[in-house]
Amino acid sequence: SETITSAEIGFKSNLSNNRVRLNGAVFYYQVDDQ
């Protein structure tokens, strides 16, 4: 069986009177017994 340990952090935003939506995230994971 695989075992995964993961982490993620990100943001969501609405700009310019809701005419622009910008989202982003960074992540890391490690799978044991891939």
PDB file of all heavy atoms in Angstrom:
ATOM      1  N   SER A   1       0.827  -1.198   0.000  1.00  0.00           N
ATOM      2  CA  SER A   1       0.000   0.000   0.000  1.00  0.00           C
ATOM      3  C   SER A   1       0.863   1.251   0.000  1.00  0.00           C
ATOM      4  O   SER A   1       1.954   1.284   0.587  1.00  0.00           O
ATOM      5  CB  SER A   1      -0.917   0.017   1.231  1.00  0.00           C
ATOM      6  OG  SER A   1      -1.783  -1.080   1.245  1.00  0.00           O
ATOM      7  N   GLU A   2       0.363   2.281  -0.654  1.00  0.00           N
ATOM      8  CA  GLU A   2       1.026   3.584  -0.639  1.00  0.00           C
ATOM      9  C   GLU A   2       0.583   4.386   0.584  1.00  0.00           C
ATOM     10  O   GLU A   2      -0.548   4.257   1.051  1.00  0.00           O
ATOM     11  CB  GLU A   2       0.666   4.382  -1.890  1.00  0.00           C
ATOM     12  CG  GLU A   2       1.114   3.744  -3.189  1.00  0.00           C
ATOM     13  CD  GLU A   2       0.612   4.527  -4.387  1.00  0.00           C
ATOM     14  OE1 GLU A   2      -0.394   5.242  -4.255  1.00  0.00           O
ATOM     15  OE2 GLU A   2       1.232   4.415  -5.454  1.00  0.00           O
ATOM     16  N   THR A   3       1.484   5.217   1.071  1.00  0.00           N
ATOM     17  CA  THR A   3       1.163   6.171   2.133  1.00  0.00           C
ATOM     18  C   THR A   3       1.663   7.537   1.703  1.00  0.00           C
ATOM     19  O   THR A   3       2.835   7.674   1.328  1.00  0.00           O
ATOM     20  CB  THR A   3       1.828   5.784   3.469  1.00  0.00           C
ATOM     21  OG1 THR A   3       1.434   4.462   3.830  1.00  0.00           O
ATOM     22  CG2 THR A   3       1.418   6.751   4.572  1.00  0.00           C
ATOM     23  N   ILE A   4       0.789   8.521   1.726  1.00  0.00           N
ATOM     24  CA  ILE A   4       1.166   9.855   1.261  1.00  0.00           C
ATOM     25  C   ILE A   4       1.086  10.864   2.398  1.00  0.00           C
ATOM     26  O   ILE A   4       0.161  10.834   3.218  1.00  0.00           O
ATOM     27  CB  ILE A   4       0.270  10.300   0.077  1.00  0.00           C
ATOM     28  CG1 ILE A   4       0.752  11.656  -0.472  1.00  0.00           C
ATOM     29  CG2 ILE A   4      -1.183  10.362   0.471  1.00  0.00           C
ATOM     30  CD1 ILE A   4       0.099  12.044  -1.775  1.00  0.00           C
ATOM     31  N   THR A   5       2.081  11.721   2.459  1.00  0.00           N
ATOM     32  CA  THR A   5       2.087  12.858   3.380  1.00  0.00           C
ATOM     33  C   THR A   5       2.178  14.119   2.532  1.00  0.00           C
ATOM     34  O   THR A   5       3.110  14.255   1.730  1.00  0.00           O
ATOM     35  CB  THR A   5       3.288  12.793   4.341  1.00  0.00           C
ATOM     36  OG1 THR A   5       3.249  11.558   5.059  1.00  0.00           O
ATOM     37  CG2 THR A   5       3.261  13.952   5.318  1.00  0.00           C
ATOM     38  N   SER A   6       1.214  15.007   2.661  1.00  0.00           N
ATOM     39  CA  SER A   6       1.171  16.165   1.766  1.00  0.00           C
ATOM     40  C   SER A   6       0.813  17.427   2.536  1.00  0.00           C
ATOM     41  O   SER A   6       0.191  17.381   3.601  1.00  0.00           O
ATOM     42  CB  SER A   6       0.143  15.941   0.647  1.00  0.00           C
ATOM     43  OG  SER A   6      -1.162  15.824   1.182  1.00  0.00           O
ATOM     44  N   ALA A   7       1.232  18.540   1.982  1.00  0.00           N
ATOM     45  CA  ALA A   7       0.913  19.851   2.552  1.00  0.00           C
ATOM     46  C   ALA A   7       0.683  20.823   1.408  1.00  0.00           C
ATOM     47  O   ALA A   7       1.330  20.748   0.358  1.00  0.00           O
ATOM     48  CB  ALA A   7       2.051  20.348   3.444  1.00  0.00           C
ATOM     49  N   GLU A   8      -0.262  21.735   1.612  1.00  0.00           N
ATOM     50  CA  GLU A   8      -0.585  22.725   0.583  1.00  0.00           C
ATOM     51  C   GLU A   8      -1.047  24.008   1.253  1.00  0.00           C
ATOM     52  O   GLU A   8      -1.751  23.976   2.270  1.00  0.00           O
ATOM     53  CB  GLU A   8      -1.687  22.196  -0.339  1.00  0.00           C
ATOM     54  CG  GLU A   8      -2.073  23.152  -1.455  1.00  0.00           C
ATOM     55  CD  GLU A   8      -3.112  22.560  -2.396  1.00  0.00           C
ATOM     56  OE1 GLU A   8      -3.464  21.374  -2.224  1.00  0.00           O
ATOM     57  OE2 GLU A   8      -3.567  23.285  -3.298  1.00  0.00           O
ATOM     58  N   ILE A   9      -0.640  25.128   0.688  1.00  0.00           N
ATOM     59  CA  ILE A   9      -1.101  26.418   1.180  1.00  0.00           C
ATOM     60  C   ILE A   9      -1.373  27.301  -0.033  1.00  0.00           C
ATOM     61  O   ILE A   9      -0.640  27.250  -1.028  1.00  0.00           O
ATOM     62  CB  ILE A   9      -0.060  27.083   2.122  1.00  0.00           C
ATOM     63  CG1 ILE A   9      -0.620  28.369   2.715  1.00  0.00           C
ATOM     64  CG2 ILE A   9       1.263  27.324   1.405  1.00  0.00           C
ATOM     65  CD1 ILE A   9       0.252  28.950   3.809  1.00  0.00           C
ATOM     66  N   GLY A  10      -2.446  28.069   0.028  1.00  0.00           N
ATOM     67  CA  GLY A  10      -2.803  28.878  -1.125  1.00  0.00           C
ATOM     68  C   GLY A  10      -3.700  30.042  -0.756  1.00  0.00           C
ATOM     69  O   GLY A  10      -3.933  30.322   0.428  1.00  0.00           O
ATOM     70  N   PHE A  11      -4.205  30.705  -1.761  1.00  0.00           N
ATOM     71  CA  PHE A  11      -5.060  31.870  -1.546  1.00  0.00           C
ATOM     72  C   PHE A  11      -6.085  31.961  -2.663  1.00  0.00           C
ATOM     73  O   PHE A  11      -5.888  31.427  -3.763  1.00  0.00           O
ATOM     74  CB  PHE A  11      -4.227  33.156  -1.491  1.00  0.00           C
ATOM     75  CG  PHE A  11      -3.573  33.504  -2.802  1.00  0.00           C
ATOM     76  CD1 PHE A  11      -4.216  34.305  -3.736  1.00  0.00           C
ATOM     77  CD2 PHE A  11      -2.309  33.019  -3.107  1.00  0.00           C
ATOM     78  CE1 PHE A  11      -3.621  34.618  -4.944  1.00  0.00           C
ATOM     79  CE2 PHE A  11      -1.700  33.327  -4.316  1.00  0.00           C
ATOM     80  CZ  PHE A  11      -2.359  34.131  -5.241  1.00  0.00           C
ATOM     81  N   LYS A  12      -7.177  32.640  -2.398  1.00  0.00           N
ATOM     82  CA  LYS A  12      -8.198  32.972  -3.381  1.00  0.00           C
ATOM     83  C   LYS A  12      -8.518  34.444  -3.219  1.00  0.00           C
ATOM     84  O   LYS A  12      -8.619  34.941  -2.092  1.00  0.00           O
ATOM     85  CB  LYS A  12      -9.466  32.131  -3.186  1.00  0.00           C
ATOM     86  CG  LYS A  12      -9.270  30.637  -3.432  1.00  0.00           C
ATOM     87  CD  LYS A  12     -10.567  29.877  -3.220  1.00  0.00           C
ATOM     88  CE  LYS A  12     -10.376  28.375  -3.456  1.00  0.00           C
ATOM     89  NZ  LYS A  12     -10.096  28.076  -4.874  1.00  0.00           N
ATOM     90  N   SER A  13      -8.691  35.169  -4.322  1.00  0.00           N
ATOM     91  CA  SER A  13      -8.922  36.608  -4.223  1.00  0.00           C
ATOM     92  C   SER A  13      -9.816  37.093  -5.352  1.00  0.00           C
ATOM     93  O   SER A  13      -9.782  36.559  -6.470  1.00  0.00           O
ATOM     94  CB  SER A  13      -7.586  37.371  -4.256  1.00  0.00           C
ATOM     95  OG  SER A  13      -6.905  37.133  -5.465  1.00  0.00           O
ATOM     96  N   ASN A  14     -10.613  38.116  -5.059  1.00  0.00           N
ATOM     97  CA  ASN A  14     -11.410  38.847  -6.046  1.00  0.00           C
ATOM     98  C   ASN A  14     -10.936  40.298  -6.046  1.00  0.00           C
ATOM     99  O   ASN A  14     -10.889  40.944  -4.998  1.00  0.00           O
ATOM    100  CB  ASN A  14     -12.895  38.779  -5.706  1.00  0.00           C
ATOM    101  CG  ASN A  14     -13.474  37.394  -5.938  1.00  0.00           C
ATOM    102  OD1 ASN A  14     -13.224  36.777  -6.959  1.00  0.00           O
ATOM    103  ND2 ASN A  14     -14.242  36.893  -4.972  1.00  0.00           N
ATOM    104  N   LEU A  15     -10.589  40.807  -7.229  1.00  0.00           N
ATOM    105  CA  LEU A  15     -10.000  42.135  -7.348  1.00  0.00           C
ATOM    106  C   LEU A  15     -10.789  42.967  -8.351  1.00  0.00           C
ATOM    107  O   LEU A  15     -11.634  42.448  -9.085  1.00  0.00           O
ATOM    108  CB  LEU A  15      -8.536  42.024  -7.792  1.00  0.00           C
ATOM    109  CG  LEU A  15      -7.640  41.059  -6.995  1.00  0.00           C
ATOM    110  CD1 LEU A  15      -6.310  40.871  -7.698  1.00  0.00           C
ATOM    111  CD2 LEU A  15      -7.450  41.560  -5.577  1.00  0.00           C
ATOM    112  N   SER A  16     -10.489  44.273  -8.368  1.00  0.00           N
ATOM    113  CA  SER A  16     -11.067  45.205  -9.355  1.00  0.00           C
ATOM    114  C   SER A  16     -12.582  45.087  -9.433  1.00  0.00           C
ATOM    115  O   SER A  16     -13.155  44.859 -10.505  1.00  0.00           O
ATOM    116  CB  SER A  16     -10.442  44.975 -10.742  1.00  0.00           C
ATOM    117  OG  SER A  16      -9.056  45.185 -10.717  1.00  0.00           O
ATOM    118  N   ASN A  17     -13.207  45.224  -8.258  1.00  0.00           N
ATOM    119  CA  ASN A  17     -14.674  45.149  -8.189  1.00  0.00           C
ATOM    120  C   ASN A  17     -15.205  43.841  -8.777  1.00  0.00           C
ATOM    121  O   ASN A  17     -16.180  43.816  -9.545  1.00  0.00           O
ATOM    122  CB  ASN A  17     -15.314  46.348  -8.904  1.00  0.00           C
ATOM    123  CG  ASN A  17     -14.987  47.662  -8.233  1.00  0.00           C
ATOM    124  OD1 ASN A  17     -14.953  47.749  -6.993  1.00  0.00           O
ATOM    125  ND2 ASN A  17     -14.726  48.695  -9.030  1.00  0.00           N
ATOM    126  N   ASN A  18     -14.519  42.759  -8.401  1.00  0.00           N
ATOM    127  CA  ASN A  18     -14.913  41.403  -8.820  1.00  0.00           C
ATOM    128  C   ASN A  18     -14.786  41.143 -10.323  1.00  0.00           C
ATOM    129  O   ASN A  18     -15.363  40.184 -10.830  1.00  0.00           O
ATOM    130  CB  ASN A  18     -16.342  41.091  -8.367  1.00  0.00           C
ATOM    131  CG  ASN A  18     -16.473  41.010  -6.864  1.00  0.00           C
ATOM    132  OD1 ASN A  18     -15.536  40.558  -6.176  1.00  0.00           O
ATOM    133  ND2 ASN A  18     -17.600  41.443  -6.334  1.00  0.00           N
ATOM    134  N   ARG A  19     -14.023  41.966 -11.011  1.00  0.00           N
ATOM    135  CA  ARG A  19     -13.780  41.725 -12.436  1.00  0.00           C
ATOM    136  C   ARG A  19     -12.547  40.839 -12.651  1.00  0.00           C
ATOM    137  O   ARG A  19     -12.327  40.333 -13.756  1.00  0.00           O
ATOM    138  CB  ARG A  19     -13.599  43.046 -13.183  1.00  0.00           C
ATOM    139  CG  ARG A  19     -14.839  43.929 -13.179  1.00  0.00           C
ATOM    140  CD  ARG A  19     -14.570  45.252 -13.893  1.00  0.00           C
ATOM    141  NE  ARG A  19     -14.272  45.041 -15.303  1.00  0.00           N
ATOM    142  CZ  ARG A  19     -15.201  45.023 -16.262  1.00  0.00           C
ATOM    143  NH1 ARG A  19     -16.488  45.177 -15.953  1.00  0.00           N
ATOM    144  NH2 ARG A  19     -14.860  44.840 -17.526  1.00  0.00           N
ATOM    145  N   VAL A  20     -11.748  40.648 -11.608  1.00  0.00           N
ATOM    146  CA  VAL A  20     -10.549  39.824 -11.689  1.00  0.00           C
ATOM    147  C   VAL A  20     -10.556  38.833 -10.525  1.00  0.00           C
ATOM    148  O   VAL A  20     -10.799  39.210  -9.380  1.00  0.00           O
ATOM    149  CB  VAL A  20      -9.264  40.678 -11.631  1.00  0.00           C
ATOM    150  CG1 VAL A  20      -8.022  39.780 -11.620  1.00  0.00           C
ATOM    151  CG2 VAL A  20      -9.203  41.639 -12.810  1.00  0.00           C
ATOM    152  N   ARG A  21     -10.303  37.573 -10.839  1.00  0.00           N
ATOM    153  CA  ARG A  21     -10.177  36.538  -9.813  1.00  0.00           C
ATOM    154  C   ARG A  21      -8.799  35.912  -9.953  1.00  0.00           C
ATOM    155  O   ARG A  21      -8.422  35.439 -11.025  1.00  0.00           O
ATOM    156  CB  ARG A  21     -11.257  35.473  -9.973  1.00  0.00           C
ATOM    157  CG  ARG A  21     -11.172  34.354  -8.928  1.00  0.00           C
ATOM    158  CD  ARG A  21     -12.208  33.261  -9.152  1.00  0.00           C
ATOM    159  NE  ARG A  21     -13.549  33.787  -8.988  1.00  0.00           N
ATOM    160  CZ  ARG A  21     -14.466  33.747  -9.941  1.00  0.00           C
ATOM    161  NH1 ARG A  21     -14.183  33.225 -11.127  1.00  0.00           N
ATOM    162  NH2 ARG A  21     -15.671  34.241  -9.715  1.00  0.00           N
ATOM    163  N   LEU A  22      -8.027  35.911  -8.856  1.00  0.00           N
ATOM    164  CA  LEU A  22      -6.673  35.358  -8.856  1.00  0.00           C
ATOM    165  C   LEU A  22      -6.557  34.332  -7.737  1.00  0.00           C
ATOM    166  O   LEU A  22      -6.823  34.648  -6.573  1.00  0.00           O
ATOM    167  CB  LEU A  22      -5.639  36.470  -8.666  1.00  0.00           C
ATOM    168  CG  LEU A  22      -4.171  36.022  -8.590  1.00  0.00           C
ATOM    169  CD1 LEU A  22      -3.739  35.369  -9.904  1.00  0.00           C
ATOM    170  CD2 LEU A  22      -3.263  37.203  -8.247  1.00  0.00           C
ATOM    171  N   ASN A  23      -6.164  33.117  -8.089  1.00  0.00           N
ATOM    172  CA  ASN A  23      -5.995  32.040  -7.116  1.00  0.00           C
ATOM    173  C   ASN A  23      -4.604  31.430  -7.289  1.00  0.00           C
ATOM    174  O   ASN A  23      -4.042  31.427  -8.388  1.00  0.00           O
ATOM    175  CB  ASN A  23      -7.047  30.940  -7.319  1.00  0.00           C
ATOM    176  CG  ASN A  23      -8.462  31.476  -7.274  1.00  0.00           C
ATOM    177  OD1 ASN A  23      -8.793  32.350  -6.477  1.00  0.00           O
ATOM    178  ND2 ASN A  23      -9.311  30.949  -8.136  1.00  0.00           N
ATOM    179  N   GLY A  24      -4.069  30.897  -6.207  1.00  0.00           N
ATOM    180  CA  GLY A  24      -2.754  30.261  -6.287  1.00  0.00           C
ATOM    181  C   GLY A  24      -2.518  29.332  -5.125  1.00  0.00           C
ATOM    182  O   GLY A  24      -3.177  29.425  -4.083  1.00  0.00           O
ATOM    183  N   ALA A  25      -1.570  28.424  -5.294  1.00  0.00           N
ATOM    184  CA  ALA A  25      -1.238  27.475  -4.230  1.00  0.00           C
ATOM    185  C   ALA A  25       0.152  26.909  -4.493  1.00  0.00           C
ATOM    186  O   ALA A  25       0.603  26.814  -5.638  1.00  0.00           O
ATOM    187  CB  ALA A  25      -2.261  26.345  -4.165  1.00  0.00           C
ATOM    188  N   VAL A  26       0.826  26.532  -3.419  1.00  0.00           N
ATOM    189  CA  VAL A  26       2.069  25.770  -3.498  1.00  0.00           C
ATOM    190  C   VAL A  26       1.852  24.486  -2.715  1.00  0.00           C
ATOM    191  O   VAL A  26       1.065  24.450  -1.760  1.00  0.00           O
ATOM    192  CB  VAL A  26       3.272  26.558  -2.936  1.00  0.00           C
ATOM    193  CG1 VAL A  26       3.565  27.763  -3.803  1.00  0.00           C
ATOM    194  CG2 VAL A  26       3.016  26.993  -1.495  1.00  0.00           C
ATOM    195  N   PHE A  27       2.536  23.413  -3.107  1.00  0.00           N
ATOM    196  CA  PHE A  27       2.296  22.125  -2.472  1.00  0.00           C
ATOM    197  C   PHE A  27       3.586  21.318  -2.395  1.00  0.00           C
ATOM    198  O   PHE A  27       4.553  21.560  -3.113  1.00  0.00           O
ATOM    199  CB  PHE A  27       1.236  21.334  -3.246  1.00  0.00           C
ATOM    200  CG  PHE A  27       1.659  20.943  -4.636  1.00  0.00           C
ATOM    201  CD1 PHE A  27       2.370  19.776  -4.888  1.00  0.00           C
ATOM    202  CD2 PHE A  27       1.366  21.768  -5.716  1.00  0.00           C
ATOM    203  CE1 PHE A  27       2.775  19.431  -6.162  1.00  0.00           C
ATOM    204  CE2 PHE A  27       1.749  21.424  -7.009  1.00  0.00           C
ATOM    205  CZ  PHE A  27       2.470  20.250  -7.225  1.00  0.00           C
ATOM    206  N   TYR A  28       3.560  20.339  -1.509  1.00  0.00           N
ATOM    207  CA  TYR A  28       4.633  19.351  -1.375  1.00  0.00           C
ATOM    208  C   TYR A  28       4.000  18.045  -0.939  1.00  0.00           C
ATOM    209  O   TYR A  28       3.066  18.036  -0.130  1.00  0.00           O
ATOM    210  CB  TYR A  28       5.677  19.791  -0.336  1.00  0.00           C
ATOM    211  CG  TYR A  28       6.649  18.671  -0.001  1.00  0.00           C
ATOM    212  CD1 TYR A  28       7.755  18.413  -0.802  1.00  0.00           C
ATOM    213  CD2 TYR A  28       6.432  17.858   1.121  1.00  0.00           C
ATOM    214  CE1 TYR A  28       8.633  17.376  -0.515  1.00  0.00           C
ATOM    215  CE2 TYR A  28       7.309  16.818   1.420  1.00  0.00           C
ATOM    216  CZ  TYR A  28       8.400  16.584   0.599  1.00  0.00           C
ATOM    217  OH  TYR A  28       9.258  15.545   0.886  1.00  0.00           O
ATOM    218  N   TYR A  29       4.501  16.929  -1.475  1.00  0.00           N
ATOM    219  CA  TYR A  29       4.056  15.637  -0.974  1.00  0.00           C
ATOM    220  C   TYR A  29       5.155  14.595  -1.095  1.00  0.00           C
ATOM    221  O   TYR A  29       6.061  14.713  -1.920  1.00  0.00           O
ATOM    222  CB  TYR A  29       2.776  15.165  -1.662  1.00  0.00           C
ATOM    223  CG  TYR A  29       2.881  14.817  -3.124  1.00  0.00           C
ATOM    224  CD1 TYR A  29       3.371  13.579  -3.545  1.00  0.00           C
ATOM    225  CD2 TYR A  29       2.458  15.713  -4.097  1.00  0.00           C
ATOM    226  CE1 TYR A  29       3.448  13.249  -4.880  1.00  0.00           C
ATOM    227  CE2 TYR A  29       2.525  15.384  -5.445  1.00  0.00           C
ATOM    228  CZ  TYR A  29       3.015  14.155  -5.827  1.00  0.00           C
ATOM    229  OH  TYR A  29       3.095  13.830  -7.152  1.00  0.00           O
ATOM    230  N   GLN A  30       5.058  13.590  -0.247  1.00  0.00           N
ATOM    231  CA  GLN A  30       5.956  12.443  -0.288  1.00  0.00           C
ATOM    232  C   GLN A  30       5.112  11.182  -0.210  1.00  0.00           C
ATOM    233  O   GLN A  30       4.260  11.049   0.663  1.00  0.00           O
ATOM    234  CB  GLN A  30       6.949  12.475   0.867  1.00  0.00           C
ATOM    235  CG  GLN A  30       7.858  11.245   0.920  1.00  0.00           C
ATOM    236  CD  GLN A  30       8.851  11.316   2.054  1.00  0.00           C
ATOM    237  OE1 GLN A  30       9.795  12.114   2.022  1.00  0.00           O
ATOM    238  NE2 GLN A  30       8.642  10.504   3.073  1.00  0.00           N
ATOM    239  N   VAL A  31       5.343  10.273  -1.145  1.00  0.00           N
ATOM    240  CA  VAL A  31       4.633   9.004  -1.173  1.00  0.00           C
ATOM    241  C   VAL A  31       5.606   7.907  -0.774  1.00  0.00           C
ATOM    242  O   VAL A  31       6.639   7.715  -1.424  1.00  0.00           O
ATOM    243  CB  VAL A  31       4.052   8.706  -2.567  1.00  0.00           C
ATOM    244  CG1 VAL A  31       3.263   7.388  -2.537  1.00  0.00           C
ATOM    245  CG2 VAL A  31       3.160   9.840  -3.032  1.00  0.00           C
ATOM    246  N   ASP A  32       5.296   7.193   0.289  1.00  0.00           N
ATOM    247  CA  ASP A  32       6.075   6.021   0.684  1.00  0.00           C
ATOM    248  C   ASP A  32       5.494   4.795  -0.009  1.00  0.00           C
ATOM    249  O   ASP A  32       4.273   4.623  -0.086  1.00  0.00           O
ATOM    250  CB  ASP A  32       6.037   5.838   2.204  1.00  0.00           C
ATOM    251  CG  ASP A  32       6.732   6.966   2.940  1.00  0.00           C
ATOM    252  OD1 ASP A  32       7.767   7.445   2.443  1.00  0.00           O
ATOM    253  OD2 ASP A  32       6.237   7.382   4.001  1.00  0.00           O
ATOM    254  N   ASP A  33       6.383   3.937  -0.510  1.00  0.00           N
ATOM    255  CA  ASP A  33       5.984   2.734  -1.247  1.00  0.00           C
ATOM    256  C   ASP A  33       5.151   3.089  -2.484  1.00  0.00           C
ATOM    257  O   ASP A  33       4.102   2.496  -2.736  1.00  0.00           O
ATOM    258  CB  ASP A  33       5.204   1.771  -0.341  1.00  0.00           C
ATOM    259  CG  ASP A  33       6.053   1.242   0.798  1.00  0.00           C
ATOM    260  OD1 ASP A  33       7.230   0.929   0.553  1.00  0.00           O
ATOM    261  OD2 ASP A  33       5.542   1.152   1.938  1.00  0.00           O
ATOM    262  N   GLN A  34       5.636   4.045  -3.246  1.00  0.00           N
ATOM    263  CA  GLN A  34       4.956   4.454  -4.469  1.00  0.00           C
ATOM    264  C   GLN A  34       4.816   3.267  -5.425  1.00  0.00           C
ATOM    265  O   GLN A  34       5.790   2.600  -5.767  1.00  0.00           O
ATOM    266  CB  GLN A  34       5.749   5.562  -5.151  1.00  0.00           C
ATOM    267  CG  GLN A  34       5.299   5.908  -6.553  1.00  0.00           C
ATOM    268  CD  GLN A  34       4.055   6.779  -6.573  1.00  0.00           C
ATOM    269  OE1 GLN A  34       4.063   7.873  -6.034  1.00  0.00           O
ATOM    270  NE2 GLN A  34       2.993   6.282  -7.190  1.00  0.00           N
TER     271      GLN A  34
END
